[in-house]
Amino acid sequence: MKKNEFRAVIKHLHMKDLTPKEIKAELDNVHSTFALAFATVYNWVNEFKRGRTSTCDAPRSEHPIEVGTLEIIDKVHDIVLTDRQVKVRELVDAISISHGTSIGYEKVSARVLRLLTVDHKRDRVTISKQCLEIFQRNTDEFLHRFITVDETWIYYFTPETNEQSKQ
């Protein structure tokens, strides 16, 4: 059932002088899986008590999402590259854009890289092209010299002995 249909049912039952609790119970009996919350029923009953006749939403002033231009995106990118720990508020003040402007950046974790940034992707493509070029020039030499590793970080820590910590 659509919103307007639920609201029409609420309006009809309100006109029959049912209380919001009774209306909610009636909706639960008929539409148990899709029934509205009590707060929604209560709010609409109050709207109809105040004289509202329409079951449609009131028109709203919808602001479209601001999308950053390429110039703004480049400025943000340059600032982020110079200072990786820059705050959103500092970016907004520096470039004079709104906080909600869509520029395609997401929060990037400083400790664990889960998604590759544009720079990382570009670097990997460049390096891959260079490796392919070297491979095509001299296959045997390339295969003898090329070393691959995974990105596992191994931390090495030697705890101090009691004697060393005393010094």
N, C-alpha and C. Protein backbone atom coordinates (compact mmCIF):
# COMPACT_ATOMS: atom_id res chain seq x y z
N MET A 1 0.83 -1.18 0.00
CA MET A 1 0.00 0.00 0.00
C MET A 1 0.87 1.24 0.00
N LYS A 2 0.45 2.26 -0.71
CA LYS A 2 1.22 3.49 -0.79
C LYS A 2 0.90 4.41 0.38
N LYS A 3 1.77 5.41 0.57
CA LYS A 3 1.60 6.35 1.68
C LYS A 3 0.23 7.02 1.64
N ASN A 4 -0.14 7.51 0.47
CA ASN A 4 -1.41 8.23 0.36
C ASN A 4 -2.60 7.34 0.68
N GLU A 5 -2.50 6.06 0.34
CA GLU A 5 -3.60 5.14 0.64
C GLU A 5 -3.71 4.91 2.14
N PHE A 6 -2.57 4.74 2.83
CA PHE A 6 -2.59 4.62 4.29
C PHE A 6 -3.19 5.88 4.92
N ARG A 7 -2.78 7.03 4.41
CA ARG A 7 -3.29 8.29 4.96
C ARG A 7 -4.78 8.43 4.73
N ALA A 8 -5.27 7.96 3.59
CA ALA A 8 -6.71 8.01 3.32
C ALA A 8 -7.46 7.12 4.29
N VAL A 9 -6.90 5.95 4.60
CA VAL A 9 -7.52 5.05 5.58
C VAL A 9 -7.53 5.71 6.96
N ILE A 10 -6.41 6.34 7.34
CA ILE A 10 -6.35 7.04 8.63
C ILE A 10 -7.39 8.15 8.67
N LYS A 11 -7.50 8.89 7.58
CA LYS A 11 -8.49 9.98 7.52
C LYS A 11 -9.90 9.43 7.66
N HIS A 12 -10.19 8.34 6.96
CA HIS A 12 -11.53 7.73 7.02
C HIS A 12 -11.85 7.26 8.44
N LEU A 13 -10.90 6.56 9.06
CA LEU A 13 -11.14 6.06 10.42
C LEU A 13 -11.20 7.21 11.42
N HIS A 14 -10.46 8.28 11.19
CA HIS A 14 -10.55 9.46 12.06
C HIS A 14 -11.93 10.10 11.95
N MET A 15 -12.47 10.12 10.73
CA MET A 15 -13.81 10.69 10.54
C MET A 15 -14.88 9.84 11.22
N LYS A 16 -14.57 8.57 11.49
CA LYS A 16 -15.48 7.69 12.23
C LYS A 16 -15.28 7.83 13.73
N ASP A 17 -14.48 8.84 14.15
CA ASP A 17 -14.20 9.15 15.55
C ASP A 17 -13.42 8.05 16.27
N LEU A 18 -12.55 7.37 15.58
CA LEU A 18 -11.68 6.40 16.24
C LEU A 18 -10.44 7.14 16.77
N THR A 19 -9.89 6.66 17.86
CA THR A 19 -8.68 7.25 18.43
C THR A 19 -7.46 6.74 17.65
N PRO A 20 -6.32 7.41 17.80
CA PRO A 20 -5.11 6.93 17.11
C PRO A 20 -4.75 5.49 17.48
N LYS A 21 -4.96 5.10 18.75
CA LYS A 21 -4.66 3.72 19.15
C LYS A 21 -5.56 2.73 18.42
N GLU A 22 -6.83 3.08 18.31
CA GLU A 22 -7.78 2.20 17.62
C GLU A 22 -7.46 2.12 16.12
N ILE A 23 -7.06 3.26 15.56
CA ILE A 23 -6.69 3.27 14.14
C ILE A 23 -5.46 2.40 13.91
N LYS A 24 -4.48 2.53 14.80
CA LYS A 24 -3.26 1.71 14.69
C LYS A 24 -3.59 0.23 14.80
N ALA A 25 -4.47 -0.13 15.74
CA ALA A 25 -4.87 -1.53 15.90
C ALA A 25 -5.57 -2.04 14.64
N GLU A 26 -6.41 -1.22 14.06
CA GLU A 26 -7.13 -1.60 12.84
C GLU A 26 -6.14 -1.81 11.68
N LEU A 27 -5.18 -0.90 11.55
CA LEU A 27 -4.17 -1.05 10.50
C LEU A 27 -3.32 -2.31 10.71
N ASP A 28 -2.99 -2.60 11.98
CA ASP A 28 -2.21 -3.80 12.28
C ASP A 28 -2.98 -5.07 11.93
N ASN A 29 -4.30 -5.06 12.17
CA ASN A 29 -5.13 -6.24 11.85
C ASN A 29 -5.17 -6.49 10.35
N VAL A 30 -5.31 -5.44 9.58
CA VAL A 30 -5.47 -5.59 8.13
C VAL A 30 -4.11 -5.70 7.42
N HIS A 31 -3.16 -4.85 7.80
CA HIS A 31 -1.86 -4.79 7.12
C HIS A 31 -0.76 -5.05 8.14
N SER A 32 -0.69 -6.23 8.68
CA SER A 32 0.24 -6.51 9.78
C SER A 32 1.70 -6.29 9.39
N THR A 33 2.08 -6.66 8.18
CA THR A 33 3.50 -6.54 7.82
C THR A 33 3.86 -5.13 7.33
N PHE A 34 2.89 -4.40 6.81
CA PHE A 34 3.18 -3.09 6.23
C PHE A 34 2.57 -1.94 7.03
N ALA A 35 2.09 -2.20 8.23
CA ALA A 35 1.41 -1.17 9.01
C ALA A 35 2.37 -0.06 9.41
N LEU A 36 1.83 1.14 9.53
CA LEU A 36 2.61 2.31 9.92
C LEU A 36 2.92 2.29 11.41
N ALA A 37 3.91 3.06 11.80
CA ALA A 37 4.25 3.21 13.21
C ALA A 37 3.17 4.05 13.89
N PHE A 38 3.04 3.88 15.20
CA PHE A 38 2.02 4.62 15.95
C PHE A 38 2.26 6.12 15.85
N ALA A 39 3.51 6.54 15.90
CA ALA A 39 3.82 7.98 15.82
C ALA A 39 3.33 8.58 14.51
N THR A 40 3.45 7.84 13.42
CA THR A 40 2.98 8.31 12.12
C THR A 40 1.47 8.45 12.12
N VAL A 41 0.79 7.43 12.65
CA VAL A 41 -0.68 7.48 12.73
C VAL A 41 -1.10 8.67 13.59
N TYR A 42 -0.46 8.84 14.73
CA TYR A 42 -0.79 9.92 15.66
C TYR A 42 -0.61 11.29 15.00
N ASN A 43 0.51 11.45 14.29
CA ASN A 43 0.77 12.73 13.62
C ASN A 43 -0.26 13.03 12.55
N TRP A 44 -0.65 12.02 11.77
CA TRP A 44 -1.64 12.27 10.73
C TRP A 44 -3.03 12.53 11.31
N VAL A 45 -3.37 11.86 12.40
CA VAL A 45 -4.66 12.16 13.05
C VAL A 45 -4.67 13.60 13.52
N ASN A 46 -3.56 14.07 14.09
CA ASN A 46 -3.48 15.47 14.52
C ASN A 46 -3.59 16.42 13.35
N GLU A 47 -2.97 16.07 12.22
CA GLU A 47 -3.09 16.91 11.02
C GLU A 47 -4.55 17.02 10.59
N PHE A 48 -5.26 15.90 10.58
CA PHE A 48 -6.67 15.92 10.17
C PHE A 48 -7.53 16.66 11.19
N LYS A 49 -7.18 16.60 12.47
CA LYS A 49 -7.90 17.36 13.50
C LYS A 49 -7.75 18.86 13.27
N ARG A 50 -6.57 19.27 12.80
CA ARG A 50 -6.32 20.69 12.56
C ARG A 50 -7.01 21.19 11.29
N GLY A 51 -7.63 20.29 10.55
CA GLY A 51 -8.38 20.71 9.38
C GLY A 51 -7.74 20.35 8.05
N ARG A 52 -6.68 19.62 8.07
CA ARG A 52 -6.05 19.22 6.82
C ARG A 52 -6.96 18.25 6.08
N THR A 53 -7.08 18.43 4.77
CA THR A 53 -7.94 17.56 3.98
C THR A 53 -7.14 16.69 3.01
N SER A 54 -5.97 17.15 2.62
CA SER A 54 -5.17 16.42 1.64
C SER A 54 -4.36 15.33 2.31
N THR A 55 -4.21 14.22 1.61
CA THR A 55 -3.37 13.13 2.10
C THR A 55 -1.99 13.15 1.44
N CYS A 56 -1.78 14.11 0.56
CA CYS A 56 -0.49 14.23 -0.13
C CYS A 56 0.49 15.04 0.71
N ASP A 57 1.77 14.80 0.49
CA ASP A 57 2.80 15.58 1.17
C ASP A 57 2.74 17.02 0.71
N ALA A 58 3.03 17.93 1.63
CA ALA A 58 3.10 19.35 1.28
C ALA A 58 4.33 19.57 0.41
N PRO A 59 4.24 20.49 -0.55
CA PRO A 59 5.42 20.74 -1.39
C PRO A 59 6.57 21.30 -0.56
N ARG A 60 7.77 20.86 -0.90
CA ARG A 60 8.96 21.28 -0.18
C ARG A 60 9.89 22.02 -1.13
N SER A 61 10.69 22.88 -0.56
CA SER A 61 11.70 23.55 -1.38
C SER A 61 12.92 22.64 -1.42
N GLU A 62 13.01 21.88 -2.47
CA GLU A 62 14.11 20.92 -2.58
C GLU A 62 15.31 21.59 -3.23
N HIS A 63 16.43 21.51 -2.57
CA HIS A 63 17.66 22.05 -3.11
C HIS A 63 18.40 20.92 -3.82
N PRO A 64 18.77 21.13 -5.07
CA PRO A 64 19.53 20.08 -5.73
C PRO A 64 20.91 19.94 -5.10
N ILE A 65 21.45 18.76 -5.21
CA ILE A 65 22.79 18.52 -4.68
C ILE A 65 23.78 19.33 -5.51
N GLU A 66 24.62 20.09 -4.82
CA GLU A 66 25.65 20.83 -5.53
C GLU A 66 26.75 19.87 -5.95
N VAL A 67 27.11 19.96 -7.19
CA VAL A 67 28.19 19.11 -7.68
C VAL A 67 29.37 20.01 -7.99
N GLY A 68 30.52 19.63 -7.49
CA GLY A 68 31.71 20.45 -7.70
C GLY A 68 32.17 20.43 -9.14
N THR A 69 32.65 21.57 -9.60
CA THR A 69 33.21 21.64 -10.94
C THR A 69 34.60 21.01 -10.93
N LEU A 70 35.15 20.80 -12.09
CA LEU A 70 36.49 20.21 -12.17
C LEU A 70 37.52 21.11 -11.50
N GLU A 71 37.31 22.43 -11.59
CA GLU A 71 38.23 23.38 -10.96
C GLU A 71 38.22 23.20 -9.44
N ILE A 72 37.02 23.08 -8.86
CA ILE A 72 36.90 22.90 -7.41
C ILE A 72 37.49 21.56 -6.99
N ILE A 73 37.20 20.52 -7.75
CA ILE A 73 37.72 19.19 -7.43
C ILE A 73 39.25 19.20 -7.47
N ASP A 74 39.83 19.88 -8.46
CA ASP A 74 41.29 19.97 -8.54
C ASP A 74 41.87 20.73 -7.35
N LYS A 75 41.20 21.82 -6.93
CA LYS A 75 41.67 22.57 -5.76
C LYS A 75 41.66 21.70 -4.51
N VAL A 76 40.55 20.97 -4.32
CA VAL A 76 40.45 20.08 -3.16
C VAL A 76 41.54 19.02 -3.22
N HIS A 77 41.74 18.46 -4.39
CA HIS A 77 42.75 17.41 -4.56
C HIS A 77 44.14 17.95 -4.20
N ASP A 78 44.46 19.15 -4.66
CA ASP A 78 45.77 19.75 -4.35
C ASP A 78 45.94 19.98 -2.85
N ILE A 79 44.89 20.48 -2.20
CA ILE A 79 44.97 20.73 -0.76
C ILE A 79 45.15 19.42 0.00
N VAL A 80 44.41 18.39 -0.40
CA VAL A 80 44.51 17.09 0.28
C VAL A 80 45.90 16.48 0.07
N LEU A 81 46.47 16.67 -1.11
CA LEU A 81 47.81 16.13 -1.36
C LEU A 81 48.87 16.84 -0.52
N THR A 82 48.69 18.13 -0.27
CA THR A 82 49.67 18.85 0.55
C THR A 82 49.52 18.53 2.03
N ASP A 83 48.29 18.31 2.48
CA ASP A 83 48.06 17.99 3.89
C ASP A 83 47.01 16.89 3.96
N ARG A 84 47.45 15.67 4.21
CA ARG A 84 46.55 14.51 4.23
C ARG A 84 45.59 14.53 5.41
N GLN A 85 45.88 15.34 6.43
CA GLN A 85 45.04 15.35 7.62
C GLN A 85 44.13 16.58 7.67
N VAL A 86 43.89 17.20 6.52
CA VAL A 86 43.05 18.39 6.47
C VAL A 86 41.61 18.03 6.84
N LYS A 87 40.95 18.91 7.55
CA LYS A 87 39.57 18.70 7.99
C LYS A 87 38.61 19.23 6.92
N VAL A 88 37.40 18.68 6.90
CA VAL A 88 36.39 19.11 5.94
C VAL A 88 36.10 20.60 6.12
N ARG A 89 35.98 21.03 7.37
CA ARG A 89 35.69 22.44 7.65
C ARG A 89 36.78 23.34 7.08
N GLU A 90 38.04 22.93 7.18
CA GLU A 90 39.15 23.71 6.63
C GLU A 90 39.05 23.79 5.10
N LEU A 91 38.66 22.69 4.46
CA LEU A 91 38.48 22.70 3.00
C LEU A 91 37.36 23.65 2.60
N VAL A 92 36.26 23.59 3.33
CA VAL A 92 35.11 24.45 3.03
C VAL A 92 35.51 25.91 3.13
N ASP A 93 36.25 26.26 4.18
CA ASP A 93 36.67 27.65 4.36
C ASP A 93 37.69 28.08 3.31
N ALA A 94 38.60 27.19 2.95
CA ALA A 94 39.67 27.54 2.02
C ALA A 94 39.15 27.75 0.60
N ILE A 95 38.16 26.97 0.20
CA ILE A 95 37.71 27.01 -1.19
C ILE A 95 36.39 27.76 -1.35
N SER A 96 35.73 28.06 -0.25
CA SER A 96 34.43 28.75 -0.26
C SER A 96 33.36 27.93 -0.97
N ILE A 97 33.24 26.68 -0.55
CA ILE A 97 32.16 25.82 -1.05
C ILE A 97 31.31 25.41 0.14
N SER A 98 30.13 24.88 -0.14
CA SER A 98 29.27 24.43 0.96
C SER A 98 29.75 23.07 1.45
N HIS A 99 29.35 22.74 2.65
CA HIS A 99 29.76 21.47 3.27
C HIS A 99 29.21 20.29 2.49
N GLY A 100 28.05 20.45 1.85
CA GLY A 100 27.41 19.33 1.16
C GLY A 100 27.75 19.20 -0.31
N THR A 101 28.67 19.99 -0.80
CA THR A 101 29.04 19.90 -2.21
C THR A 101 29.65 18.53 -2.51
N SER A 102 29.13 17.90 -3.54
CA SER A 102 29.61 16.56 -3.91
C SER A 102 30.85 16.69 -4.79
N ILE A 103 31.98 16.23 -4.26
CA ILE A 103 33.22 16.30 -5.03
C ILE A 103 33.83 14.93 -5.26
N GLY A 104 33.13 13.88 -4.82
CA GLY A 104 33.60 12.53 -5.10
C GLY A 104 34.61 11.99 -4.12
N TYR A 105 34.88 12.69 -3.04
CA TYR A 105 35.81 12.19 -2.03
C TYR A 105 35.04 11.46 -0.96
N GLU A 106 35.63 10.40 -0.45
CA GLU A 106 35.09 9.70 0.70
C GLU A 106 36.15 9.72 1.78
N LYS A 107 35.74 9.40 2.99
CA LYS A 107 36.71 9.37 4.08
C LYS A 107 37.70 8.25 3.79
N VAL A 108 38.96 8.58 3.89
CA VAL A 108 40.01 7.60 3.66
C VAL A 108 40.70 7.35 4.99
N SER A 109 40.77 6.11 5.35
CA SER A 109 41.40 5.76 6.61
C SER A 109 42.90 5.94 6.52
N ALA A 110 43.48 6.54 7.54
CA ALA A 110 44.92 6.77 7.55
C ALA A 110 45.69 5.49 7.87
N ARG A 111 45.07 4.55 8.53
CA ARG A 111 45.79 3.36 8.98
C ARG A 111 45.64 2.18 8.02
N VAL A 112 44.45 1.95 7.52
CA VAL A 112 44.22 0.79 6.66
C VAL A 112 43.64 1.27 5.34
N LEU A 113 44.35 1.02 4.27
CA LEU A 113 43.89 1.42 2.96
C LEU A 113 42.95 0.33 2.43
N ARG A 114 41.67 0.64 2.39
CA ARG A 114 40.70 -0.35 1.93
C ARG A 114 40.36 -0.15 0.46
N LEU A 115 40.28 1.09 0.04
CA LEU A 115 39.97 1.39 -1.35
C LEU A 115 41.11 2.20 -1.95
N LEU A 116 41.44 1.93 -3.18
CA LEU A 116 42.50 2.68 -3.83
C LEU A 116 42.01 4.07 -4.22
N THR A 117 42.83 5.06 -3.98
CA THR A 117 42.50 6.42 -4.40
C THR A 117 42.85 6.57 -5.87
N VAL A 118 42.47 7.69 -6.44
CA VAL A 118 42.77 7.95 -7.85
C VAL A 118 44.28 7.96 -8.07
N ASP A 119 45.01 8.54 -7.14
CA ASP A 119 46.48 8.58 -7.27
C ASP A 119 47.08 7.18 -7.26
N HIS A 120 46.61 6.34 -6.33
CA HIS A 120 47.13 4.98 -6.26
C HIS A 120 46.83 4.21 -7.55
N LYS A 121 45.62 4.38 -8.06
CA LYS A 121 45.26 3.70 -9.31
C LYS A 121 46.16 4.18 -10.45
N ARG A 122 46.37 5.49 -10.53
CA ARG A 122 47.21 6.06 -11.58
C ARG A 122 48.64 5.54 -11.46
N ASP A 123 49.17 5.49 -10.25
CA ASP A 123 50.53 4.98 -10.04
C ASP A 123 50.64 3.53 -10.46
N ARG A 124 49.64 2.73 -10.11
CA ARG A 124 49.70 1.30 -10.46
C ARG A 124 49.63 1.09 -11.97
N VAL A 125 48.81 1.91 -12.65
CA VAL A 125 48.72 1.81 -14.11
C VAL A 125 50.05 2.19 -14.75
N THR A 126 50.65 3.28 -14.26
CA THR A 126 51.94 3.73 -14.81
C THR A 126 53.01 2.67 -14.62
N ILE A 127 53.11 2.13 -13.42
CA ILE A 127 54.12 1.11 -13.14
C ILE A 127 53.87 -0.15 -13.97
N SER A 128 52.61 -0.53 -14.10
CA SER A 128 52.29 -1.72 -14.90
C SER A 128 52.67 -1.52 -16.36
N LYS A 129 52.44 -0.32 -16.90
CA LYS A 129 52.82 -0.05 -18.29
C LYS A 129 54.34 -0.10 -18.45
N GLN A 130 55.06 0.45 -17.48
CA GLN A 130 56.53 0.40 -17.54
C GLN A 130 57.03 -1.04 -17.50
N CYS A 131 56.44 -1.84 -16.63
CA CYS A 131 56.84 -3.25 -16.53
C CYS A 131 56.54 -3.99 -17.83
N LEU A 132 55.39 -3.72 -18.43
CA LEU A 132 55.03 -4.36 -19.69
C LEU A 132 56.01 -3.98 -20.80
N GLU A 133 56.39 -2.72 -20.82
CA GLU A 133 57.35 -2.25 -21.83
C GLU A 133 58.70 -2.95 -21.67
N ILE A 134 59.17 -3.05 -20.44
CA ILE A 134 60.44 -3.75 -20.18
C ILE A 134 60.32 -5.23 -20.53
N PHE A 135 59.20 -5.82 -20.20
CA PHE A 135 58.96 -7.24 -20.50
C PHE A 135 58.98 -7.49 -22.00
N GLN A 136 58.36 -6.60 -22.77
CA GLN A 136 58.29 -6.78 -24.22
C GLN A 136 59.67 -6.60 -24.88
N ARG A 137 60.54 -5.77 -24.29
CA ARG A 137 61.88 -5.56 -24.84
C ARG A 137 62.78 -6.78 -24.62
N ASN A 138 62.75 -7.33 -23.40
CA ASN A 138 63.65 -8.44 -23.08
C ASN A 138 62.96 -9.35 -22.06
N THR A 139 62.26 -10.34 -22.55
CA THR A 139 61.44 -11.20 -21.70
C THR A 139 62.26 -11.98 -20.69
N ASP A 140 63.31 -12.64 -21.14
CA ASP A 140 64.09 -13.48 -20.22
C ASP A 140 64.74 -12.67 -19.11
N GLU A 141 65.34 -11.56 -19.46
CA GLU A 141 66.00 -10.71 -18.46
C GLU A 141 64.98 -10.19 -17.44
N PHE A 142 63.82 -9.82 -17.94
CA PHE A 142 62.77 -9.29 -17.06
C PHE A 142 62.33 -10.33 -16.04
N LEU A 143 62.10 -11.55 -16.51
CA LEU A 143 61.61 -12.60 -15.62
C LEU A 143 62.65 -13.00 -14.58
N HIS A 144 63.92 -12.87 -14.90
CA HIS A 144 64.97 -13.20 -13.93
C HIS A 144 65.11 -12.12 -12.86
N ARG A 145 64.76 -10.90 -13.19
CA ARG A 145 64.96 -9.79 -12.26
C ARG A 145 63.69 -9.33 -11.55
N PHE A 146 62.55 -9.75 -12.02
CA PHE A 146 61.28 -9.24 -11.47
C PHE A 146 60.93 -9.99 -10.18
N ILE A 147 60.67 -9.24 -9.13
CA ILE A 147 60.32 -9.83 -7.83
C ILE A 147 58.94 -9.30 -7.44
N THR A 148 58.08 -10.20 -7.03
CA THR A 148 56.76 -9.78 -6.56
C THR A 148 56.61 -10.13 -5.09
N VAL A 149 55.87 -9.31 -4.40
CA VAL A 149 55.59 -9.56 -2.98
C VAL A 149 54.14 -9.18 -2.72
N ASP A 150 53.62 -9.71 -1.64
CA ASP A 150 52.29 -9.28 -1.24
C ASP A 150 52.43 -8.06 -0.35
N GLU A 151 51.31 -7.50 0.09
CA GLU A 151 51.35 -6.28 0.88
C GLU A 151 51.21 -6.56 2.37
N THR A 152 51.74 -7.67 2.82
CA THR A 152 51.67 -8.00 4.24
C THR A 152 52.70 -7.19 5.00
N TRP A 153 52.26 -6.55 6.05
CA TRP A 153 53.18 -5.79 6.89
C TRP A 153 53.61 -6.68 8.04
N ILE A 154 54.90 -6.80 8.23
CA ILE A 154 55.43 -7.60 9.33
C ILE A 154 56.15 -6.64 10.28
N TYR A 155 55.70 -6.63 11.51
CA TYR A 155 56.29 -5.74 12.50
C TYR A 155 57.33 -6.53 13.28
N TYR A 156 58.48 -5.91 13.46
CA TYR A 156 59.56 -6.56 14.17
C TYR A 156 59.78 -5.79 15.46
N PHE A 157 59.69 -6.49 16.57
CA PHE A 157 59.86 -5.84 17.87
C PHE A 157 60.61 -6.79 18.79
N THR A 158 61.70 -6.30 19.33
CA THR A 158 62.47 -7.08 20.29
C THR A 158 62.29 -6.44 21.66
N PRO A 159 61.63 -7.13 22.56
CA PRO A 159 61.44 -6.54 23.89
C PRO A 159 62.78 -6.42 24.61
N GLU A 160 62.87 -5.38 25.40
CA GLU A 160 64.10 -5.17 26.17
C GLU A 160 64.18 -6.16 27.32
N THR A 161 65.40 -6.48 27.67
CA THR A 161 65.59 -7.30 28.87
C THR A 161 65.49 -6.38 30.08
N ASN A 162 65.37 -6.95 31.24
CA ASN A 162 65.28 -6.15 32.45
C ASN A 162 66.52 -5.28 32.64
N GLU A 163 67.68 -5.81 32.30
CA GLU A 163 68.92 -5.05 32.43
C GLU A 163 68.94 -3.85 31.51
N GLN A 164 68.49 -4.04 30.27
CA GLN A 164 68.49 -2.94 29.31
C GLN A 164 67.51 -1.85 29.71
N SER A 165 66.38 -2.22 30.25
CA SER A 165 65.40 -1.22 30.63
C SER A 165 65.83 -0.42 31.85
N LYS A 166 66.72 -0.97 32.68
CA LYS A 166 67.23 -0.24 33.85
C LYS A 166 68.18 0.87 33.45
N GLN A 167 68.85 0.72 32.33
CA GLN A 167 69.86 1.71 31.92
C GLN A 167 69.26 2.93 31.34
